[in-house]
N, C-alpha and C. Protein backbone atom coordinates (compact mmCIF):
# COMPACT_ATOMS: atom_id res chain seq x y z
N MET A 1 -8.03 90.17 178.81
CA MET A 1 -9.48 90.00 178.71
C MET A 1 -9.91 88.89 179.65
N ASP A 2 -11.01 89.05 180.31
CA ASP A 2 -11.59 88.07 181.22
C ASP A 2 -12.08 86.88 180.41
N ASP A 3 -11.52 85.67 180.72
CA ASP A 3 -11.91 84.47 179.98
C ASP A 3 -13.38 84.13 180.13
N SER A 4 -14.00 84.58 181.23
CA SER A 4 -15.40 84.24 181.45
C SER A 4 -16.35 85.11 180.61
N LEU A 5 -15.84 86.18 180.03
CA LEU A 5 -16.68 87.06 179.22
C LEU A 5 -16.87 86.45 177.84
N ARG A 6 -18.10 86.31 177.47
CA ARG A 6 -18.44 85.84 176.13
C ARG A 6 -19.12 87.00 175.41
N LEU A 7 -18.62 87.33 174.25
CA LEU A 7 -19.23 88.38 173.46
C LEU A 7 -20.40 87.81 172.69
N ASP A 8 -21.57 88.40 172.89
CA ASP A 8 -22.72 87.96 172.12
C ASP A 8 -22.85 88.85 170.88
N THR A 9 -23.87 88.61 170.11
CA THR A 9 -24.06 89.35 168.86
C THR A 9 -24.20 90.84 169.12
N LEU A 10 -24.94 91.23 170.16
CA LEU A 10 -25.11 92.65 170.47
C LEU A 10 -23.79 93.31 170.85
N ASP A 11 -22.98 92.61 171.66
CA ASP A 11 -21.66 93.14 172.02
C ASP A 11 -20.84 93.39 170.76
N ARG A 12 -20.85 92.43 169.85
CA ARG A 12 -20.06 92.55 168.61
C ARG A 12 -20.57 93.71 167.75
N LEU A 13 -21.89 93.90 167.71
CA LEU A 13 -22.45 95.03 166.95
C LEU A 13 -22.06 96.36 167.58
N ILE A 14 -22.08 96.42 168.90
CA ILE A 14 -21.69 97.65 169.61
C ILE A 14 -20.22 97.95 169.34
N VAL A 15 -19.38 96.94 169.44
CA VAL A 15 -17.94 97.13 169.18
C VAL A 15 -17.72 97.60 167.74
N ALA A 16 -18.44 97.02 166.80
CA ALA A 16 -18.31 97.42 165.40
C ALA A 16 -18.71 98.89 165.21
N GLN A 17 -19.78 99.32 165.88
CA GLN A 17 -20.19 100.72 165.79
C GLN A 17 -19.12 101.63 166.37
N LEU A 18 -18.53 101.24 167.50
CA LEU A 18 -17.49 102.06 168.11
C LEU A 18 -16.22 102.09 167.27
N GLU A 19 -15.93 100.99 166.58
CA GLU A 19 -14.77 100.98 165.68
C GLU A 19 -14.96 101.98 164.54
N ARG A 20 -16.18 102.06 164.04
CA ARG A 20 -16.47 103.01 162.96
C ARG A 20 -16.42 104.45 163.44
N ASN A 21 -16.94 104.68 164.66
CA ASN A 21 -16.97 106.04 165.19
C ASN A 21 -17.02 105.97 166.71
N ALA A 22 -15.87 106.15 167.34
CA ALA A 22 -15.78 106.06 168.80
C ALA A 22 -16.53 107.18 169.50
N ARG A 23 -16.94 108.19 168.76
CA ARG A 23 -17.68 109.31 169.35
C ARG A 23 -19.19 109.12 169.27
N SER A 24 -19.64 108.01 168.72
CA SER A 24 -21.08 107.76 168.64
C SER A 24 -21.69 107.77 170.04
N SER A 25 -22.86 108.36 170.15
CA SER A 25 -23.53 108.37 171.44
C SER A 25 -24.14 107.00 171.72
N PHE A 26 -24.40 106.73 172.98
CA PHE A 26 -25.04 105.47 173.34
C PHE A 26 -26.43 105.38 172.70
N ALA A 27 -27.10 106.52 172.56
CA ALA A 27 -28.42 106.53 171.92
C ALA A 27 -28.31 106.16 170.44
N THR A 28 -27.31 106.71 169.76
CA THR A 28 -27.11 106.39 168.34
C THR A 28 -26.79 104.91 168.16
N ILE A 29 -25.89 104.41 169.00
CA ILE A 29 -25.53 102.99 168.92
C ILE A 29 -26.75 102.14 169.24
N GLY A 30 -27.50 102.54 170.27
CA GLY A 30 -28.70 101.79 170.65
C GLY A 30 -29.70 101.70 169.51
N ALA A 31 -29.88 102.81 168.79
CA ALA A 31 -30.81 102.81 167.65
C ALA A 31 -30.34 101.84 166.57
N GLU A 32 -29.04 101.70 166.40
CA GLU A 32 -28.48 100.80 165.38
C GLU A 32 -28.61 99.33 165.79
N VAL A 33 -28.47 99.05 167.08
CA VAL A 33 -28.44 97.64 167.53
C VAL A 33 -29.72 97.19 168.23
N GLY A 34 -30.67 98.11 168.42
CA GLY A 34 -31.94 97.73 169.03
C GLY A 34 -31.94 97.69 170.54
N LEU A 35 -31.16 98.57 171.18
CA LEU A 35 -31.12 98.65 172.65
C LEU A 35 -31.33 100.10 173.08
N SER A 36 -31.70 100.28 174.34
CA SER A 36 -31.78 101.63 174.90
C SER A 36 -30.37 102.15 175.16
N ALA A 37 -30.25 103.47 175.27
CA ALA A 37 -28.95 104.08 175.56
C ALA A 37 -28.36 103.55 176.87
N PRO A 38 -29.16 103.44 177.96
CA PRO A 38 -28.60 102.91 179.21
C PRO A 38 -28.11 101.45 179.06
N ALA A 39 -28.81 100.65 178.26
CA ALA A 39 -28.38 99.27 178.05
C ALA A 39 -27.05 99.22 177.29
N VAL A 40 -26.90 100.11 176.32
CA VAL A 40 -25.63 100.17 175.58
C VAL A 40 -24.52 100.61 176.52
N LYS A 41 -24.79 101.62 177.36
CA LYS A 41 -23.78 102.08 178.31
C LYS A 41 -23.34 100.96 179.23
N ARG A 42 -24.28 100.19 179.75
CA ARG A 42 -23.91 99.06 180.64
C ARG A 42 -23.01 98.08 179.91
N ARG A 43 -23.36 97.78 178.67
CA ARG A 43 -22.56 96.83 177.89
C ARG A 43 -21.16 97.40 177.60
N VAL A 44 -21.09 98.67 177.22
CA VAL A 44 -19.79 99.28 176.94
C VAL A 44 -18.95 99.31 178.21
N ASP A 45 -19.55 99.67 179.34
CA ASP A 45 -18.82 99.66 180.61
C ASP A 45 -18.27 98.27 180.91
N ARG A 46 -19.07 97.24 180.67
CA ARG A 46 -18.64 95.86 180.91
C ARG A 46 -17.49 95.49 179.96
N LEU A 47 -17.58 95.93 178.71
CA LEU A 47 -16.53 95.64 177.73
C LEU A 47 -15.23 96.37 178.08
N VAL A 48 -15.34 97.57 178.65
CA VAL A 48 -14.15 98.29 179.11
C VAL A 48 -13.57 97.60 180.33
N ASP A 49 -14.42 97.28 181.32
CA ASP A 49 -13.95 96.64 182.55
C ASP A 49 -13.28 95.30 182.29
N SER A 50 -13.77 94.58 181.28
CA SER A 50 -13.22 93.25 180.99
C SER A 50 -11.98 93.29 180.09
N GLY A 51 -11.67 94.47 179.55
CA GLY A 51 -10.48 94.60 178.72
C GLY A 51 -10.71 94.38 177.24
N VAL A 52 -11.96 94.15 176.83
CA VAL A 52 -12.24 94.01 175.40
C VAL A 52 -12.01 95.36 174.72
N ILE A 53 -12.56 96.42 175.31
CA ILE A 53 -12.30 97.79 174.82
C ILE A 53 -11.18 98.35 175.68
N THR A 54 -10.09 98.71 175.03
CA THR A 54 -8.92 99.18 175.76
C THR A 54 -8.76 100.69 175.74
N GLY A 55 -9.60 101.39 174.98
CA GLY A 55 -9.51 102.84 174.96
C GLY A 55 -10.32 103.41 173.81
N PHE A 56 -10.46 104.71 173.82
CA PHE A 56 -11.14 105.45 172.77
C PHE A 56 -10.14 106.46 172.24
N HIS A 57 -9.96 106.52 170.92
CA HIS A 57 -8.86 107.29 170.36
C HIS A 57 -9.33 108.23 169.26
N ALA A 58 -8.62 109.33 169.15
CA ALA A 58 -8.82 110.24 168.01
C ALA A 58 -7.93 109.75 166.88
N SER A 59 -8.44 109.71 165.69
CA SER A 59 -7.67 109.35 164.51
C SER A 59 -7.18 110.65 163.87
N LEU A 60 -5.86 110.80 163.79
CA LEU A 60 -5.28 112.06 163.35
C LEU A 60 -4.69 111.93 161.95
N ASP A 61 -4.65 113.04 161.23
CA ASP A 61 -4.03 113.09 159.92
C ASP A 61 -2.59 113.53 160.08
N PRO A 62 -1.63 112.60 159.94
CA PRO A 62 -0.22 112.95 160.14
C PRO A 62 0.25 114.06 159.20
N GLN A 63 -0.27 114.08 157.97
CA GLN A 63 0.10 115.14 157.02
C GLN A 63 -0.26 116.51 157.59
N ALA A 64 -1.46 116.62 158.15
CA ALA A 64 -1.92 117.90 158.70
C ALA A 64 -1.07 118.32 159.90
N LEU A 65 -0.49 117.34 160.58
CA LEU A 65 0.36 117.63 161.74
C LEU A 65 1.82 117.85 161.35
N GLY A 66 2.11 117.80 160.05
CA GLY A 66 3.46 118.04 159.58
C GLY A 66 4.37 116.84 159.60
N HIS A 67 3.82 115.65 159.69
CA HIS A 67 4.61 114.41 159.71
C HIS A 67 4.30 113.60 158.47
N GLY A 68 4.69 114.13 157.31
CA GLY A 68 4.32 113.55 156.03
C GLY A 68 5.14 112.36 155.57
N VAL A 69 6.27 112.09 156.23
CA VAL A 69 7.10 110.97 155.81
C VAL A 69 6.85 109.79 156.75
N GLU A 70 6.37 108.69 156.16
CA GLU A 70 6.11 107.47 156.93
C GLU A 70 7.09 106.41 156.45
N VAL A 71 7.72 105.72 157.41
CA VAL A 71 8.77 104.77 157.10
C VAL A 71 8.63 103.54 158.00
N PHE A 72 8.87 102.38 157.41
CA PHE A 72 8.99 101.16 158.20
C PHE A 72 10.47 100.87 158.34
N VAL A 73 10.91 100.67 159.57
CA VAL A 73 12.33 100.49 159.86
C VAL A 73 12.52 99.13 160.53
N GLU A 74 13.35 98.30 159.91
CA GLU A 74 13.77 97.06 160.55
C GLU A 74 14.93 97.40 161.46
N LEU A 75 14.85 96.98 162.70
CA LEU A 75 15.87 97.28 163.70
C LEU A 75 16.62 95.99 164.02
N TYR A 76 17.94 96.04 163.89
CA TYR A 76 18.79 94.88 164.17
C TYR A 76 19.61 95.21 165.41
N CYS A 77 19.52 94.33 166.40
CA CYS A 77 20.18 94.58 167.68
C CYS A 77 21.16 93.48 168.01
N ASP A 78 22.00 93.78 168.99
CA ASP A 78 22.91 92.79 169.55
C ASP A 78 22.09 91.56 169.96
N GLY A 79 22.63 90.39 169.77
CA GLY A 79 21.90 89.14 170.02
C GLY A 79 21.34 88.97 171.41
N ARG A 80 21.88 89.65 172.39
CA ARG A 80 21.42 89.51 173.78
C ARG A 80 20.38 90.56 174.16
N THR A 81 19.93 91.37 173.22
CA THR A 81 19.01 92.45 173.54
C THR A 81 17.58 91.91 173.68
N SER A 82 17.00 92.12 174.86
CA SER A 82 15.65 91.63 175.13
C SER A 82 14.59 92.54 174.52
N ALA A 83 13.39 92.02 174.41
CA ALA A 83 12.27 92.83 173.92
C ALA A 83 12.02 94.03 174.83
N VAL A 84 12.19 93.84 176.13
CA VAL A 84 12.01 94.95 177.09
C VAL A 84 13.03 96.05 176.81
N GLU A 85 14.27 95.67 176.53
CA GLU A 85 15.30 96.66 176.25
C GLU A 85 15.03 97.36 174.91
N ILE A 86 14.59 96.60 173.91
CA ILE A 86 14.24 97.22 172.62
C ILE A 86 13.12 98.24 172.82
N ALA A 87 12.12 97.88 173.61
CA ALA A 87 11.02 98.81 173.90
C ALA A 87 11.54 100.07 174.58
N ARG A 88 12.46 99.90 175.50
CA ARG A 88 13.05 101.05 176.20
C ARG A 88 13.81 101.95 175.21
N ILE A 89 14.57 101.32 174.31
CA ILE A 89 15.34 102.08 173.33
C ILE A 89 14.41 102.89 172.42
N VAL A 90 13.45 102.23 171.80
CA VAL A 90 12.61 102.93 170.81
C VAL A 90 11.69 103.94 171.45
N SER A 91 11.32 103.74 172.72
CA SER A 91 10.42 104.70 173.37
C SER A 91 11.11 106.03 173.62
N ARG A 92 12.42 106.08 173.52
CA ARG A 92 13.16 107.34 173.68
C ARG A 92 13.11 108.20 172.42
N HIS A 93 12.54 107.67 171.35
CA HIS A 93 12.51 108.39 170.06
C HIS A 93 11.06 108.68 169.70
N ALA A 94 10.67 109.95 169.81
CA ALA A 94 9.27 110.35 169.60
C ALA A 94 8.78 110.03 168.19
N GLU A 95 9.67 109.92 167.24
CA GLU A 95 9.27 109.63 165.86
C GLU A 95 8.75 108.21 165.68
N VAL A 96 9.09 107.33 166.60
CA VAL A 96 8.64 105.94 166.52
C VAL A 96 7.19 105.89 166.99
N GLN A 97 6.28 105.59 166.06
CA GLN A 97 4.85 105.56 166.34
C GLN A 97 4.39 104.20 166.84
N GLU A 98 5.00 103.15 166.31
CA GLU A 98 4.66 101.77 166.70
C GLU A 98 5.93 100.95 166.63
N ALA A 99 6.00 99.89 167.44
CA ALA A 99 7.15 99.00 167.42
C ALA A 99 6.69 97.59 167.75
N TYR A 100 7.25 96.63 167.02
CA TYR A 100 6.86 95.23 167.17
C TYR A 100 8.10 94.35 167.16
N THR A 101 8.12 93.32 167.99
CA THR A 101 9.11 92.27 167.80
C THR A 101 8.57 91.39 166.68
N ILE A 102 9.48 90.85 165.88
CA ILE A 102 9.07 90.10 164.70
C ILE A 102 9.94 88.87 164.52
N THR A 103 9.49 87.97 163.64
CA THR A 103 10.31 86.84 163.24
C THR A 103 11.21 87.28 162.09
N GLY A 104 12.20 86.48 161.77
CA GLY A 104 13.10 86.83 160.68
C GLY A 104 14.42 87.35 161.21
N ASP A 105 15.17 88.01 160.35
CA ASP A 105 16.51 88.47 160.72
C ASP A 105 16.49 89.67 161.65
N ALA A 106 15.56 90.59 161.42
CA ALA A 106 15.49 91.80 162.26
C ALA A 106 14.90 91.44 163.62
N ASN A 107 15.25 92.24 164.62
CA ASN A 107 14.70 92.05 165.96
C ASN A 107 13.36 92.75 166.15
N ALA A 108 13.18 93.86 165.43
CA ALA A 108 11.95 94.64 165.60
C ALA A 108 11.62 95.37 164.31
N LEU A 109 10.34 95.68 164.17
CA LEU A 109 9.85 96.49 163.05
C LEU A 109 9.22 97.73 163.65
N LEU A 110 9.64 98.89 163.17
CA LEU A 110 9.16 100.16 163.68
C LEU A 110 8.39 100.90 162.59
N ARG A 111 7.34 101.59 162.98
CA ARG A 111 6.67 102.53 162.08
C ARG A 111 7.06 103.91 162.58
N VAL A 112 7.72 104.66 161.70
CA VAL A 112 8.30 105.94 162.06
C VAL A 112 7.65 107.04 161.22
N ARG A 113 7.40 108.20 161.84
CA ARG A 113 6.87 109.37 161.14
C ARG A 113 7.84 110.53 161.36
N THR A 114 8.20 111.20 160.27
CA THR A 114 9.06 112.38 160.36
C THR A 114 8.51 113.49 159.47
N THR A 115 9.06 114.68 159.66
CA THR A 115 8.59 115.83 158.89
C THR A 115 9.10 115.81 157.46
N ASP A 116 10.33 115.34 157.28
CA ASP A 116 10.95 115.29 155.95
C ASP A 116 12.09 114.29 155.98
N THR A 117 12.79 114.16 154.85
CA THR A 117 13.85 113.15 154.78
C THR A 117 15.06 113.52 155.64
N ALA A 118 15.32 114.81 155.82
CA ALA A 118 16.42 115.21 156.71
C ALA A 118 16.11 114.79 158.15
N HIS A 119 14.87 114.97 158.55
CA HIS A 119 14.44 114.54 159.88
C HIS A 119 14.54 113.01 159.99
N LEU A 120 14.17 112.31 158.92
CA LEU A 120 14.29 110.85 158.90
C LEU A 120 15.75 110.44 159.08
N GLU A 121 16.64 111.10 158.37
CA GLU A 121 18.05 110.77 158.47
C GLU A 121 18.56 110.95 159.90
N ARG A 122 18.19 112.05 160.54
CA ARG A 122 18.59 112.29 161.94
C ARG A 122 18.02 111.22 162.86
N THR A 123 16.76 110.86 162.62
CA THR A 123 16.11 109.84 163.45
C THR A 123 16.84 108.50 163.32
N LEU A 124 17.17 108.11 162.09
CA LEU A 124 17.89 106.85 161.89
C LEU A 124 19.27 106.90 162.54
N GLU A 125 19.96 108.02 162.41
CA GLU A 125 21.26 108.17 163.06
C GLU A 125 21.13 108.05 164.57
N ASN A 126 20.10 108.65 165.13
CA ASN A 126 19.87 108.57 166.57
C ASN A 126 19.57 107.14 167.01
N LEU A 127 18.75 106.44 166.23
CA LEU A 127 18.48 105.04 166.56
C LEU A 127 19.75 104.20 166.50
N ARG A 128 20.54 104.41 165.45
CA ARG A 128 21.77 103.62 165.28
C ARG A 128 22.83 103.97 166.32
N SER A 129 22.70 105.12 166.97
CA SER A 129 23.67 105.48 168.01
C SER A 129 23.38 104.79 169.34
N GLU A 130 22.25 104.13 169.45
CA GLU A 130 21.93 103.38 170.67
C GLU A 130 22.90 102.20 170.77
N PRO A 131 23.47 101.96 171.96
CA PRO A 131 24.50 100.92 172.10
C PRO A 131 24.10 99.53 171.62
N ALA A 132 22.86 99.12 171.80
CA ALA A 132 22.44 97.76 171.43
C ALA A 132 22.09 97.63 169.95
N VAL A 133 21.92 98.76 169.25
CA VAL A 133 21.49 98.73 167.85
C VAL A 133 22.69 98.55 166.94
N LEU A 134 22.62 97.51 166.10
CA LEU A 134 23.69 97.23 165.15
C LEU A 134 23.47 97.93 163.82
N GLN A 135 22.21 97.90 163.33
CA GLN A 135 21.90 98.54 162.06
C GLN A 135 20.40 98.71 161.91
N THR A 136 20.02 99.48 160.90
CA THR A 136 18.62 99.64 160.53
C THR A 136 18.49 99.41 159.04
N LYS A 137 17.29 99.06 158.62
CA LYS A 137 16.97 98.93 157.20
C LYS A 137 15.60 99.57 157.03
N SER A 138 15.49 100.53 156.12
CA SER A 138 14.28 101.35 156.02
C SER A 138 13.56 101.17 154.70
N SER A 139 12.24 101.28 154.76
CA SER A 139 11.39 101.32 153.57
C SER A 139 10.44 102.50 153.73
N VAL A 140 10.57 103.48 152.82
CA VAL A 140 9.72 104.66 152.86
C VAL A 140 8.38 104.33 152.20
N VAL A 141 7.29 104.72 152.84
CA VAL A 141 5.96 104.50 152.30
C VAL A 141 5.70 105.52 151.20
N LEU A 142 5.33 105.04 150.02
CA LEU A 142 5.00 105.94 148.91
C LEU A 142 3.52 106.28 148.91
N SER A 143 2.67 105.27 149.14
CA SER A 143 1.23 105.51 149.22
C SER A 143 0.60 104.41 150.06
N ARG A 144 -0.53 104.74 150.68
CA ARG A 144 -1.27 103.79 151.51
C ARG A 144 -2.36 103.18 150.63
N LEU A 145 -2.33 101.86 150.51
CA LEU A 145 -3.27 101.17 149.65
C LEU A 145 -4.60 100.87 150.33
N ILE A 146 -4.55 100.61 151.62
CA ILE A 146 -5.74 100.35 152.42
C ILE A 146 -5.71 101.30 153.59
N PRO A 147 -6.76 102.10 153.80
CA PRO A 147 -6.75 103.05 154.92
C PRO A 147 -6.78 102.33 156.25
N PRO A 148 -6.23 102.95 157.29
CA PRO A 148 -6.26 102.33 158.61
C PRO A 148 -7.69 102.23 159.13
N ALA A 149 -7.96 101.20 159.92
CA ALA A 149 -9.28 101.04 160.53
C ALA A 149 -9.50 102.14 161.55
N GLY A 150 -10.75 102.56 161.72
CA GLY A 150 -11.08 103.54 162.74
C GLY A 150 -10.95 104.89 162.23
């Protein structure tokens, strides 16, 4: 993000509207924040150009796509494994939806989606077969208490 960019109240209102519904038209957002559609477009373009807005995304229902099993996996790697190498390893596995380096004993925390527990087992075996991976520790999500933003 450009350090010289200061978000004013209107920018924050526009961003909030886009967070609620990224498909909102500039006219709809303008009506909510008190600006014309062209003024909203200029502001959104500036927010995109400056890196405040990094993209517009569709929010998908994993259940409807057949990926009903959600799991958080702690990944433990060889002590010399860099974050770049961990990213390279996990990016080879389509089931890994998100990956983070973390503090604590594990090197990374992964959010994994699979079709069923057999698919989960294969995914974990595949992750553990990576040369730098020592072990995994998994927690299966039973229910989501707070829905994801957006």
